[in-house]
Protein backbone atom coordinates (compact mmCIF):
# COMPACT_ATOMS: atom_id res chain seq x y z
CA MET A 1 -21.46 169.72 -16.31
CA SER A 2 -17.85 169.23 -15.42
CA SER A 3 -18.73 168.22 -11.89
CA LEU A 4 -21.13 165.48 -13.03
CA HIS A 5 -18.52 164.08 -15.29
CA PHE A 6 -16.07 163.91 -12.45
CA LYS A 7 -18.40 161.88 -10.25
CA SER A 8 -19.06 159.28 -12.86
CA GLU A 9 -15.40 158.67 -13.32
CA ASN A 10 -14.94 158.21 -9.60
CA GLN A 11 -17.71 155.54 -9.40
CA SER A 12 -16.51 153.29 -12.23
CA PRO A 13 -13.69 151.61 -10.28
CA LYS A 14 -16.21 150.24 -7.74
CA LYS A 15 -18.32 148.67 -10.44
CA ASN A 16 -15.30 147.14 -11.99
CA ASN A 17 -14.19 145.72 -8.64
CA LYS A 18 -17.58 144.12 -8.05
CA GLY A 19 -17.52 142.35 -11.41
CA PHE A 20 -14.04 141.12 -10.71
CA TYR A 21 -15.08 139.43 -7.47
CA ILE A 22 -18.07 137.77 -9.11
CA ALA A 23 -15.90 136.35 -11.82
CA LEU A 24 -13.36 135.22 -9.26
CA GLY A 25 -16.09 133.40 -7.25
CA VAL A 26 -17.37 131.61 -10.34
CA CYS A 27 -13.85 130.47 -11.13
CA LEU A 28 -13.31 129.16 -7.60
CA VAL A 29 -16.60 127.19 -7.74
CA ALA A 30 -15.61 125.73 -11.11
CA VAL A 31 -12.18 124.80 -9.78
CA GLY A 32 -13.76 123.13 -6.70
CA VAL A 33 -16.19 121.10 -8.83
CA ALA A 34 -13.39 120.02 -11.13
CA ALA A 35 -11.22 119.04 -8.18
CA TRP A 36 -14.01 116.96 -6.59
CA THR A 37 -14.78 115.22 -9.87
CA THR A 38 -11.11 114.39 -10.35
CA TYR A 39 -10.82 113.07 -6.78
CA ASP A 40 -13.95 110.91 -7.11
CA SER A 41 -12.69 109.41 -10.37
CA VAL A 42 -9.31 108.63 -8.83
CA VAL A 43 -10.90 106.93 -5.81
CA LYS A 44 -13.18 104.77 -7.97
CA TYR A 45 -10.28 103.82 -10.21
CA ALA A 46 -8.17 102.81 -7.22
CA ASN A 47 -11.04 100.74 -5.66
CA PRO A 48 -12.96 99.16 -8.59
CA GLU A 49 -14.68 96.54 -6.30
CA ASP A 50 -16.33 99.18 -4.10
CA THR A 51 -20.01 98.82 -4.95
CA SER A 52 -21.33 100.09 -1.66
CA SER A 53 -23.40 102.70 -3.46
CA TYR A 54 -25.51 99.86 -4.98
CA SER A 55 -25.34 97.17 -2.32
CA ALA A 56 -26.73 99.56 0.26
CA SER A 57 -30.06 99.49 -1.58
CA PRO A 58 -32.58 97.45 0.48
CA THR A 59 -34.09 95.94 -2.66
CA GLY A 60 -30.73 94.80 -4.10
CA ARG A 61 -31.67 96.40 -7.43
CA THR A 62 -28.97 97.86 -9.72
CA GLN A 63 -29.26 101.00 -11.76
CA SER A 64 -30.57 99.00 -14.74
CA GLY A 65 -33.56 97.79 -12.70
CA VAL A 66 -32.43 94.11 -12.59
CA TYR A 67 -32.36 92.45 -9.16
CA ALA A 68 -28.91 91.18 -8.39
CA SER A 69 -28.24 87.92 -6.50
CA SER A 70 -26.76 88.61 -3.09
CA GLN A 71 -24.76 85.35 -2.87
CA PRO A 72 -24.27 83.80 -6.32
CA ALA A 73 -21.08 82.02 -5.27
CA GLU A 74 -22.76 80.00 -2.49
CA VAL A 75 -25.59 78.73 -4.72
CA SER A 76 -23.30 77.55 -7.51
CA SER A 77 -20.82 75.97 -5.09
CA GLN A 78 -23.33 73.32 -3.92
CA PRO A 79 -22.80 70.00 -5.77
CA GLU A 80 -25.69 68.94 -8.02
CA SER A 81 -25.42 65.34 -6.81
CA THR A 82 -26.59 66.29 -3.30
CA ALA A 83 -30.34 66.23 -4.11
CA PRO A 84 -30.47 62.76 -5.78
CA ALA A 85 -28.16 61.30 -3.11
CA THR A 86 -30.59 62.17 -0.30
CA SER A 87 -33.76 61.20 -2.19
CA ALA A 88 -32.51 57.78 -3.37
CA PRO A 89 -32.55 56.05 0.06
CA ALA A 90 -36.09 57.31 0.69
CA ALA A 91 -37.36 55.62 -2.49
CA SER A 92 -35.51 52.36 -1.82
CA SER A 93 -36.74 52.17 1.77
CA LYS A 94 -40.34 51.93 0.58
CA ALA A 95 -39.67 49.16 -1.93
CA PRO A 96 -39.66 46.25 0.59
CA GLU A 97 -43.11 47.32 1.82
CA GLN A 98 -44.86 46.33 -1.43
CA PRO A 99 -44.03 42.59 -1.27
CA ALA A 100 -45.12 42.63 2.38
CA SER A 101 -48.66 43.68 1.40
CA LYS A 102 -48.80 40.92 -1.26
CA ALA A 103 -47.70 38.33 1.28
CA GLU A 104 -50.84 39.03 3.30
CA GLU A 105 -53.19 38.04 0.44
CA PRO A 106 -52.84 34.23 0.93
CA ALA A 107 -53.63 34.72 4.63
CA LYS A 108 -56.92 36.39 3.68
CA GLU A 109 -57.83 33.50 1.38
CA THR A 110 -57.29 30.86 4.06
CA ALA A 111 -58.73 32.90 6.93
CA ALA A 112 -62.30 31.87 6.01
CA LYS A 113 -61.46 28.17 6.43
CA PRO A 114 -60.49 26.55 9.72
CA ALA A 115 -56.77 26.31 10.39
CA SER A 116 -57.30 22.53 10.86
CA TYR A 117 -60.34 20.28 10.99
CA VAL A 118 -60.91 18.09 14.00
CA TYR A 119 -60.72 14.34 13.45
CA PRO A 120 -64.18 12.85 14.19
CA VAL A 121 -62.61 9.82 15.92
CA GLY A 122 -59.06 8.42 15.80
CA GLU A 123 -56.67 9.33 13.00
CA THR A 124 -56.19 5.76 11.70
CA VAL A 125 -57.72 5.27 8.24
CA THR A 126 -58.71 1.70 7.30
CA LYS A 127 -60.08 2.44 3.82
CA ASN A 128 -59.38 5.45 1.60
CA PHE A 129 -61.57 7.47 -0.72
CA SER A 130 -61.54 5.89 -4.21
CA GLY A 131 -63.28 8.58 -6.22
CA GLU A 132 -64.42 7.13 -9.53
CA ASN A 133 -62.14 4.08 -9.25
CA PRO A 134 -63.90 0.96 -7.89
CA ILE A 135 -62.26 -1.09 -5.15
CA PHE A 136 -63.12 -4.52 -3.78
CA SER A 137 -65.74 -4.72 -1.00
CA ASP A 138 -65.17 -7.51 1.52
CA THR A 139 -68.79 -7.32 2.66
CA MET A 140 -70.47 -7.23 -0.76
CA GLN A 141 -67.79 -9.32 -2.49
CA ASP A 142 -67.72 -7.06 -5.52
CA TRP A 143 -65.95 -4.02 -6.95
CA ARG A 144 -67.49 -0.64 -6.24
CA VAL A 145 -66.44 2.92 -5.53
CA HIS A 146 -65.79 4.00 -1.97
CA SER A 147 -67.33 7.46 -1.61
CA GLY A 148 -65.75 8.32 1.74
CA ILE A 149 -63.04 7.26 4.19
CA ASP A 150 -63.25 4.82 7.10
CA PHE A 151 -61.72 5.80 10.47
CA GLU A 152 -60.88 2.93 12.79
CA ALA A 153 -62.90 3.03 16.01
CA LYS A 154 -64.67 0.87 18.57
CA ILE A 155 -68.39 0.47 18.96
CA GLY A 156 -69.59 3.20 21.28
CA ASP A 157 -66.65 5.59 20.71
CA PRO A 158 -67.84 9.23 20.67
CA VAL A 159 -68.03 10.98 17.29
CA LYS A 160 -67.12 14.69 17.12
CA ALA A 161 -68.04 17.41 14.61
CA ILE A 162 -65.05 18.18 12.39
CA ASP A 163 -65.94 21.88 12.38
CA ALA A 164 -68.62 24.29 13.54
CA GLY A 165 -71.85 24.10 11.58
CA LYS A 166 -75.56 23.37 11.52
CA VAL A 167 -77.33 19.98 11.53
CA THR A 168 -79.34 19.87 8.30
CA ASP A 169 -80.51 16.24 8.25
CA LEU A 170 -80.79 13.06 10.35
CA TYR A 171 -81.97 9.79 8.75
CA THR A 172 -81.46 6.01 8.53
CA ASP A 173 -80.10 4.43 5.34
CA GLY A 174 -80.16 0.72 4.46
CA ASN A 175 -76.51 0.73 3.37
CA LEU A 176 -74.95 3.39 5.61
CA GLY A 177 -77.01 2.98 8.80
CA ASN A 178 -77.83 6.05 10.90
CA VAL A 179 -76.57 9.18 9.09
CA LEU A 180 -76.16 12.68 10.56
CA VAL A 181 -75.54 15.55 8.09
CA ILE A 182 -73.87 18.80 9.16
CA GLU A 183 -73.35 21.80 6.90
CA HIS A 184 -70.02 23.41 7.74
CA SER A 185 -68.42 26.59 6.38
CA ASP A 186 -67.33 27.22 2.76
CA GLY A 187 -69.79 24.78 1.23
CA ILE A 188 -68.46 21.77 3.16
CA VAL A 189 -71.18 19.23 3.99
CA ALA A 190 -70.21 16.22 6.11
CA SER A 191 -72.19 12.96 6.41
CA TYR A 192 -71.34 10.96 9.52
CA CYS A 193 -72.44 7.39 8.72
CA GLY A 194 -72.90 4.24 10.87
CA LEU A 195 -73.85 6.05 14.08
CA GLY A 196 -75.67 4.53 17.06
CA ASP A 197 -79.32 5.10 17.85
CA THR A 198 -78.54 7.67 20.55
CA MET A 199 -77.97 11.06 18.89
CA LEU A 200 -76.67 13.99 20.92
CA VAL A 201 -78.01 16.61 18.50
CA LYS A 202 -81.14 17.07 16.42
CA LYS A 203 -81.99 18.66 13.11
CA GLY A 204 -81.59 22.45 13.17
CA ASP A 205 -79.04 22.48 16.01
CA THR A 206 -75.87 24.53 15.74
CA VAL A 207 -72.71 22.68 16.75
CA LYS A 208 -69.19 23.76 17.63
CA SER A 209 -65.95 22.33 16.30
CA GLY A 210 -65.09 19.15 18.24
CA GLN A 211 -68.53 18.89 19.84
CA LYS A 212 -69.80 15.33 20.45
CA ILE A 213 -72.70 14.53 18.17
CA GLY A 214 -73.17 10.73 18.58
CA SER A 215 -71.31 7.39 18.83
CA VAL A 216 -69.86 4.72 16.54
CA ASN A 217 -72.03 1.73 15.54
CA VAL A 218 -72.20 -0.45 12.39
CA VAL A 219 -72.18 0.49 8.69
CA PRO A 220 -74.42 -2.23 7.13
CA ILE A 221 -72.72 -2.21 3.72
CA GLU A 222 -69.31 -2.61 5.45
CA SER A 223 -70.36 -4.80 8.38
CA VAL A 224 -67.79 -7.54 7.71
CA GLU A 225 -64.94 -5.08 8.22
CA LYS A 226 -63.66 -3.88 11.58
CA PRO A 227 -65.78 -1.27 13.44
CA HIS A 228 -65.26 2.19 12.01
CA LEU A 229 -66.84 5.54 11.21
CA HIS A 230 -67.65 6.12 7.56
CA LEU A 231 -67.26 9.85 6.72
CA GLU A 232 -68.32 11.40 3.42
CA ILE A 233 -67.55 15.00 2.44
CA GLN A 234 -69.16 17.10 -0.26
CA GLU A 235 -67.79 20.47 -1.32
CA SER A 236 -70.24 22.61 -3.28
CA GLY A 237 -72.30 19.47 -3.98
CA LYS A 238 -69.40 17.30 -5.20
CA LEU A 239 -67.82 14.38 -3.32
CA ILE A 240 -64.17 15.01 -2.38
CA ASP A 241 -61.49 13.12 -0.47
CA PRO A 242 -62.08 13.94 3.22
CA LEU A 243 -58.37 13.64 3.95
CA THR A 244 -57.73 16.88 2.03
CA LEU A 245 -59.42 18.76 4.88
CA PHE A 246 -57.26 17.25 7.61
CA LYS A 247 -53.96 17.73 5.76
């Protein structure tokens, strides 16, 4: 019994030594962790702007889950007046184009009518259109309306169509002599009065502007006056002043 007791006393120092080293190791680990924590805190305190641990994230997301702007300073530094300054000239450059389109509208209205009608003979007018106002007739020795205009000419002078059209009638009248009627564009109907017996066109023919259609002769109701061509114009069935076409 005494020998067993002796052995147990000899083994106890080894157990005590083993516990001592374990405790010492735990203390060293604790000291190391405390030293690292202290060092990390000191480094972060000395460099407060170091955010490399967050900026390295490829998504740019912070710990709170909100996506941070990578360059907020550059966006706010741009002046707000830049956008309206560049868009204003673009709007003003289109403004002059609108009046240009309106200026073309009168051209469309006049395009259907000839730019100018051809005078049937010379341009000298011996008697004007009187409309509803009667004027004195040297031949009839009375006052009456003059429903057309008289162009000075010589007997036998060629008569030309004032515009392209179609011959709709050809007849002889006791007052106006030989009459040739041509229907032109836009409701214009011209009666060429006092023509000779030789006609160069017949009813149903299509004529061109300036084409010769006959020759000057005598207008019976105006036979006392100098030789001339009596021209009457109707527009949409109403007599008008023929000179308005040539102006």
